[in-house]
Amino acid sequence: MTQRLLLCSDLDRTLLPNGPQPESPGARELFSRFVSRPEVTLVYVTGRHRELVEQAIANYRLPRPDFVIGDVGTTIFEVRNNGWRMQQAWQDEIAPDWAGLSRADIRALLGGIKLLRLQETAKQNIHKLSYYVPLYADQNALLDEVHQCLVAHNVNASLVWSIDEPAGIGLLDVLPSRGNKLHAVEFLMQQCGFSSADTVFAGDSGNDLQVLSSAIPAVLVANASPEVRVAAEQQATALGHASQLYLAAGGLLGMNGNYSAGVLEGIIHFIPQTEVWLEQ
């Protein structure tokens, strides 16, 4: 039986070498050749909105994906030669979590929480409300305050905390409970007929932790921060999924395990028979 692969990868500091660590020479080109095979369905899973995804693809000469899970999991696009098509079925799936409230309604509910500073309009969408948070904030206390406020209004939300390291600022995304990277990947797996045996996820940051610690085979690239590495291992172990998390360490074809080199290393770990694809 022909091996199929649903490869779902984060962009920033996972495929995109825009962190401080070095990228192995030729790693991105090798990745592009690998995913160009007909057996591979390529999905970019990112906090970026559509325009920023298109910008990243152009600037870093990334291969065109088959799907894009954008806006931290609240949008799914199918990418075709004639353009991007929004998956309305996904919007219908996650909409009920906000109890009929709009993004503006939820923004008003959270208006009294002083540490929250609204991100730019381009970074919001119908099911994503995004804030900047100072790094000195008590993360747990803030998340609890936001959670309690939303629960009081019957809003079933997912709160995703991450850090923009270059900018030195915290990021908080308020999403429908089901509107996250994990459920979006699971939705695509079901829609496209893939099982966990032929799916691999790759990530590096806090907003990837749900998938990194899930039952889906996942790779944490070597350039991930020590804090994310510890959190991913702890959460995966607590959930009984430690064997489904691979920590890239370098060594594949002499590469360092950072960025796309780490993604390839993780794929080969979980599906060893695909290693021959690197030689063809």
Protein backbone atom coordinates (compact mmCIF):
# COMPACT_ATOMS: atom_id res chain seq x y z
CA MET A 1 0.00 0.00 0.00
CA THR A 2 1.35 3.43 -0.95
CA GLN A 3 2.41 5.52 2.03
CA ARG A 4 0.42 8.74 2.37
CA LEU A 5 1.42 11.67 4.55
CA LEU A 6 -0.59 14.56 5.95
CA LEU A 7 2.14 16.98 7.02
CA CYS A 8 0.88 19.83 9.19
CA SER A 9 3.53 22.40 10.09
CA ASP A 10 3.65 25.70 11.90
CA LEU A 11 5.42 28.50 10.03
CA ASP A 12 7.25 31.05 12.20
CA ARG A 13 10.40 29.56 13.71
CA THR A 14 9.32 26.10 12.55
CA LEU A 15 9.56 26.21 8.77
CA LEU A 16 10.57 29.85 8.63
CA PRO A 17 14.15 30.35 9.85
CA ASN A 18 13.25 33.64 11.55
CA GLY A 19 14.59 32.78 14.99
CA PRO A 20 18.11 33.42 16.32
CA GLN A 21 19.36 29.87 15.68
CA PRO A 22 21.06 29.00 12.37
CA GLU A 23 19.35 27.13 9.55
CA SER A 24 21.14 24.16 8.01
CA PRO A 25 22.24 25.03 4.46
CA GLY A 26 19.97 23.43 1.88
CA ALA A 27 17.41 22.24 4.44
CA ARG A 28 14.52 24.26 3.03
CA GLU A 29 15.28 23.13 -0.53
CA LEU A 30 15.36 19.51 0.65
CA PHE A 31 12.05 20.04 2.45
CA SER A 32 10.49 21.51 -0.70
CA ARG A 33 11.54 18.51 -2.77
CA PHE A 34 10.26 16.11 -0.11
CA VAL A 35 6.79 17.65 0.11
CA SER A 36 6.45 17.98 -3.68
CA ARG A 37 5.81 14.23 -3.85
CA PRO A 38 2.23 13.27 -4.75
CA GLU A 39 1.92 11.21 -1.57
CA VAL A 40 2.20 14.34 0.58
CA THR A 41 -0.68 16.64 1.54
CA LEU A 42 0.93 19.79 2.95
CA VAL A 43 -0.83 21.97 5.51
CA TYR A 44 0.53 25.17 7.04
CA VAL A 45 -0.80 25.65 10.58
CA THR A 46 -0.15 29.17 11.81
CA GLY A 47 -1.24 32.16 13.81
CA ARG A 48 -0.81 34.29 10.70
CA HIS A 49 -3.77 35.53 8.68
CA ARG A 50 -4.03 34.84 4.96
CA GLU A 51 -2.07 37.84 3.68
CA LEU A 52 0.85 37.17 6.04
CA VAL A 53 0.88 33.50 5.04
CA GLU A 54 1.10 34.46 1.37
CA GLN A 55 3.89 36.91 2.26
CA ALA A 56 5.83 34.19 4.09
CA ILE A 57 5.47 31.75 1.19
CA ALA A 58 6.85 34.37 -1.20
CA ASN A 59 9.62 35.74 1.03
CA TYR A 60 10.98 32.34 2.10
CA ARG A 61 10.29 30.50 -1.19
CA LEU A 62 8.13 27.90 0.51
CA PRO A 63 6.19 25.31 -1.48
CA ARG A 64 2.52 26.04 -2.03
CA PRO A 65 0.43 24.11 0.51
CA ASP A 66 -2.75 22.16 -0.13
CA PHE A 67 -4.42 23.71 2.91
CA VAL A 68 -3.76 26.54 5.36
CA ILE A 69 -5.04 26.47 8.91
CA GLY A 70 -4.69 30.13 9.80
CA ASP A 71 -5.45 32.60 12.58
CA VAL A 72 -4.40 30.08 15.30
CA GLY A 73 -6.87 27.51 14.02
CA THR A 74 -9.96 29.65 13.44
CA THR A 75 -9.78 29.56 9.63
CA ILE A 76 -9.13 26.78 7.13
CA PHE A 77 -8.45 27.46 3.47
CA GLU A 78 -8.04 25.02 0.62
CA VAL A 79 -5.33 26.37 -1.69
CA ARG A 80 -5.83 25.76 -5.39
CA ASN A 81 -4.28 27.03 -8.59
CA ASN A 82 -7.16 29.46 -9.00
CA GLY A 83 -7.05 30.80 -5.45
CA TRP A 84 -7.87 30.19 -1.79
CA ARG A 85 -11.25 28.79 -0.78
CA MET A 86 -12.51 29.25 2.78
CA GLN A 87 -13.84 26.06 4.36
CA GLN A 88 -17.25 27.23 5.56
CA ALA A 89 -17.89 23.88 7.22
CA TRP A 90 -15.15 24.72 9.73
CA GLN A 91 -16.69 28.12 10.49
CA ASP A 92 -20.02 26.40 11.12
CA GLU A 93 -18.26 23.88 13.38
CA ILE A 94 -16.75 26.45 15.75
CA ALA A 95 -19.34 29.27 15.71
CA PRO A 96 -21.67 27.89 18.44
CA ASP A 97 -18.91 28.13 21.09
CA TRP A 98 -19.33 31.91 21.33
CA ALA A 99 -23.02 31.62 22.28
CA GLY A 100 -24.17 33.92 19.50
CA LEU A 101 -21.85 36.76 20.53
CA SER A 102 -19.71 38.62 18.00
CA ARG A 103 -16.04 39.46 18.34
CA ALA A 104 -17.07 43.03 19.24
CA ASP A 105 -19.36 41.72 21.98
CA ILE A 106 -16.56 39.69 23.53
CA ARG A 107 -14.16 42.60 23.26
CA ALA A 108 -16.66 44.67 25.25
CA LEU A 109 -16.91 41.96 27.91
CA LEU A 110 -13.12 42.04 28.38
CA GLY A 111 -12.83 45.83 28.21
CA GLY A 112 -12.25 46.21 31.93
CA ILE A 113 -9.10 44.05 32.02
CA LYS A 114 -6.37 46.67 31.91
CA LEU A 115 -3.43 44.45 30.95
CA LEU A 116 -5.04 43.53 27.61
CA ARG A 117 -4.06 45.70 24.62
CA LEU A 118 -5.89 44.95 21.40
CA GLN A 119 -3.74 43.84 18.46
CA GLU A 120 -4.04 45.43 15.03
CA THR A 121 -7.25 45.02 13.02
CA ALA A 122 -5.52 42.79 10.43
CA LYS A 123 -4.75 40.27 13.18
CA GLN A 124 -8.40 39.81 14.15
CA ASN A 125 -11.11 37.83 12.42
CA ILE A 126 -14.71 36.84 13.00
CA HIS A 127 -13.69 34.07 15.42
CA LYS A 128 -10.37 35.42 16.76
CA LEU A 129 -9.82 38.23 19.25
CA SER A 130 -6.12 38.92 19.83
CA TYR A 131 -4.36 40.99 22.46
CA TYR A 132 -0.86 42.05 23.43
CA VAL A 133 0.06 41.38 27.07
CA PRO A 134 3.17 42.68 28.89
CA LEU A 135 5.58 39.93 29.84
CA TYR A 136 5.60 41.04 33.47
CA ALA A 137 1.92 40.08 33.79
CA ASP A 138 0.96 37.15 36.02
CA GLN A 139 -0.01 34.79 33.21
CA ASN A 140 -2.10 32.38 35.28
CA ALA A 141 -3.99 35.11 37.11
CA LEU A 142 -4.74 36.94 33.87
CA LEU A 143 -5.95 33.82 32.07
CA ASP A 144 -8.17 32.98 35.03
CA GLU A 145 -9.67 36.48 35.04
CA VAL A 146 -10.41 36.31 31.30
CA HIS A 147 -11.83 32.79 31.64
CA GLN A 148 -14.13 33.71 34.52
CA CYS A 149 -15.43 36.74 32.65
CA LEU A 150 -16.31 34.67 29.59
CA VAL A 151 -17.82 31.76 31.50
CA ALA A 152 -20.15 34.20 33.25
CA HIS A 153 -21.62 35.00 29.81
CA ASN A 154 -21.81 31.35 28.64
CA VAL A 155 -18.92 31.81 26.20
CA ASN A 156 -17.00 28.57 25.61
CA ALA A 157 -13.57 29.94 24.72
CA SER A 158 -10.05 28.69 24.22
CA LEU A 159 -7.31 31.00 25.51
CA VAL A 160 -3.98 30.64 23.73
CA TRP A 161 -0.92 32.27 25.29
CA SER A 162 2.35 32.63 23.43
CA ILE A 163 5.33 34.98 23.29
CA ASP A 164 6.64 37.07 20.42
CA GLU A 165 10.28 36.72 21.36
CA PRO A 166 11.74 39.28 18.90
CA ALA A 167 9.19 41.90 20.03
CA GLY A 168 9.42 40.97 23.71
CA ILE A 169 5.66 40.87 24.19
CA GLY A 170 3.07 38.32 25.27
CA LEU A 171 0.24 37.34 22.93
CA LEU A 172 -3.22 36.21 23.99
CA ASP A 173 -5.76 34.85 21.51
CA VAL A 174 -9.38 34.40 22.54
CA LEU A 175 -10.92 31.75 20.28
CA PRO A 176 -13.97 29.51 20.20
CA SER A 177 -13.18 26.45 22.31
CA ARG A 178 -13.04 24.22 19.22
CA GLY A 179 -11.32 26.88 17.10
CA ASN A 180 -7.75 25.86 17.76
CA LYS A 181 -4.89 24.18 15.93
CA LEU A 182 -5.55 20.72 17.37
CA HIS A 183 -9.21 20.52 16.44
CA ALA A 184 -8.54 22.09 13.04
CA VAL A 185 -5.91 19.43 12.28
CA GLU A 186 -8.31 16.72 13.46
CA PHE A 187 -11.05 18.21 11.25
CA LEU A 188 -8.77 18.07 8.19
CA MET A 189 -7.70 14.52 9.03
CA GLN A 190 -11.33 13.47 9.00
CA GLN A 191 -12.21 15.48 5.90
CA CYS A 192 -9.26 14.12 3.91
CA GLY A 193 -9.32 10.57 5.23
CA PHE A 194 -6.02 10.50 7.16
CA SER A 195 -5.36 8.63 10.38
CA SER A 196 -2.76 9.35 13.06
CA ALA A 197 -0.58 6.68 11.42
CA ASP A 198 -0.08 8.88 8.36
CA THR A 199 -0.17 12.34 9.96
CA VAL A 200 2.72 14.35 11.41
CA PHE A 201 2.54 17.79 13.04
CA ALA A 202 5.55 20.09 13.55
CA GLY A 203 5.77 23.14 15.79
CA ASP A 204 7.92 25.20 18.12
CA SER A 205 5.86 27.52 20.33
CA GLY A 206 3.26 27.82 23.06
CA ASN A 207 0.33 27.91 20.68
CA ASP A 208 1.43 24.51 19.30
CA LEU A 209 1.33 22.77 22.69
CA GLN A 210 -2.16 21.31 22.30
CA VAL A 211 -1.09 19.44 19.19
CA LEU A 212 2.41 18.65 20.45
CA SER A 213 0.94 16.91 23.50
CA SER A 214 -1.90 15.16 21.66
CA ALA A 215 -2.21 11.66 20.21
CA ILE A 216 -1.14 13.02 16.81
CA PRO A 217 2.53 12.23 16.04
CA ALA A 218 4.34 15.53 16.55
CA VAL A 219 7.84 16.92 16.31
CA LEU A 220 9.24 19.84 18.26
CA VAL A 221 12.03 21.40 16.22
CA ALA A 222 15.43 21.72 17.90
CA ASN A 223 15.34 25.53 17.95
CA ALA A 224 12.28 25.61 20.23
CA SER A 225 12.82 27.37 23.55
CA PRO A 226 13.71 25.28 26.61
CA GLU A 227 10.45 26.42 28.25
CA VAL A 228 8.31 25.08 25.39
CA ARG A 229 10.34 21.88 25.32
CA VAL A 230 9.71 21.25 29.03
CA ALA A 231 6.01 22.13 28.74
CA ALA A 232 5.54 19.88 25.71
CA GLU A 233 7.20 16.91 27.42
CA GLN A 234 5.24 17.43 30.64
CA GLN A 235 1.88 17.80 28.93
CA ALA A 236 2.42 14.88 26.54
CA THR A 237 3.47 12.64 29.44
CA ALA A 238 0.51 13.72 31.59
CA LEU A 239 -1.88 12.87 28.75
CA GLY A 240 -0.23 9.52 28.05
CA HIS A 241 1.14 10.62 24.68
CA ALA A 242 4.88 10.80 25.39
CA SER A 243 5.65 8.33 22.60
CA GLN A 244 3.85 10.59 20.10
CA LEU A 245 6.20 13.53 20.75
CA TYR A 246 9.61 13.64 19.09
CA LEU A 247 12.23 16.22 20.05
CA ALA A 248 14.44 16.98 17.08
CA ALA A 249 18.12 16.99 18.02
CA GLY A 250 19.94 17.10 14.68
CA GLY A 251 21.90 14.43 12.90
CA LEU A 252 19.70 13.66 9.90
CA LEU A 253 21.97 14.03 6.85
CA GLY A 254 24.33 16.10 9.02
CA MET A 255 21.70 18.80 9.60
CA ASN A 256 21.18 20.58 12.92
CA GLY A 257 17.50 19.85 13.59
CA ASN A 258 16.47 23.48 13.47
CA TYR A 259 13.46 24.62 11.42
CA SER A 260 12.75 22.51 8.30
CA ALA A 261 15.64 20.15 9.13
CA GLY A 262 13.86 19.28 12.36
CA VAL A 263 10.55 18.80 10.57
CA LEU A 264 12.14 16.28 8.20
CA GLU A 265 13.89 14.56 11.10
CA GLY A 266 10.55 14.11 12.88
CA ILE A 267 8.83 12.72 9.79
CA ILE A 268 11.57 10.13 9.33
CA HIS A 269 11.32 9.19 13.03
CA PHE A 270 7.59 8.46 12.81
CA ILE A 271 7.45 7.10 9.25
CA PRO A 272 10.91 5.60 8.56
CA GLN A 273 9.96 4.35 5.10
CA THR A 274 9.79 7.95 3.87
CA GLU A 275 13.56 8.36 4.33
CA VAL A 276 14.05 6.99 0.81
CA TRP A 277 12.11 10.01 -0.45
CA LEU A 278 15.07 12.14 0.56
CA GLU A 279 17.30 10.15 -1.75
CA GLN A 280 15.06 10.28 -4.81
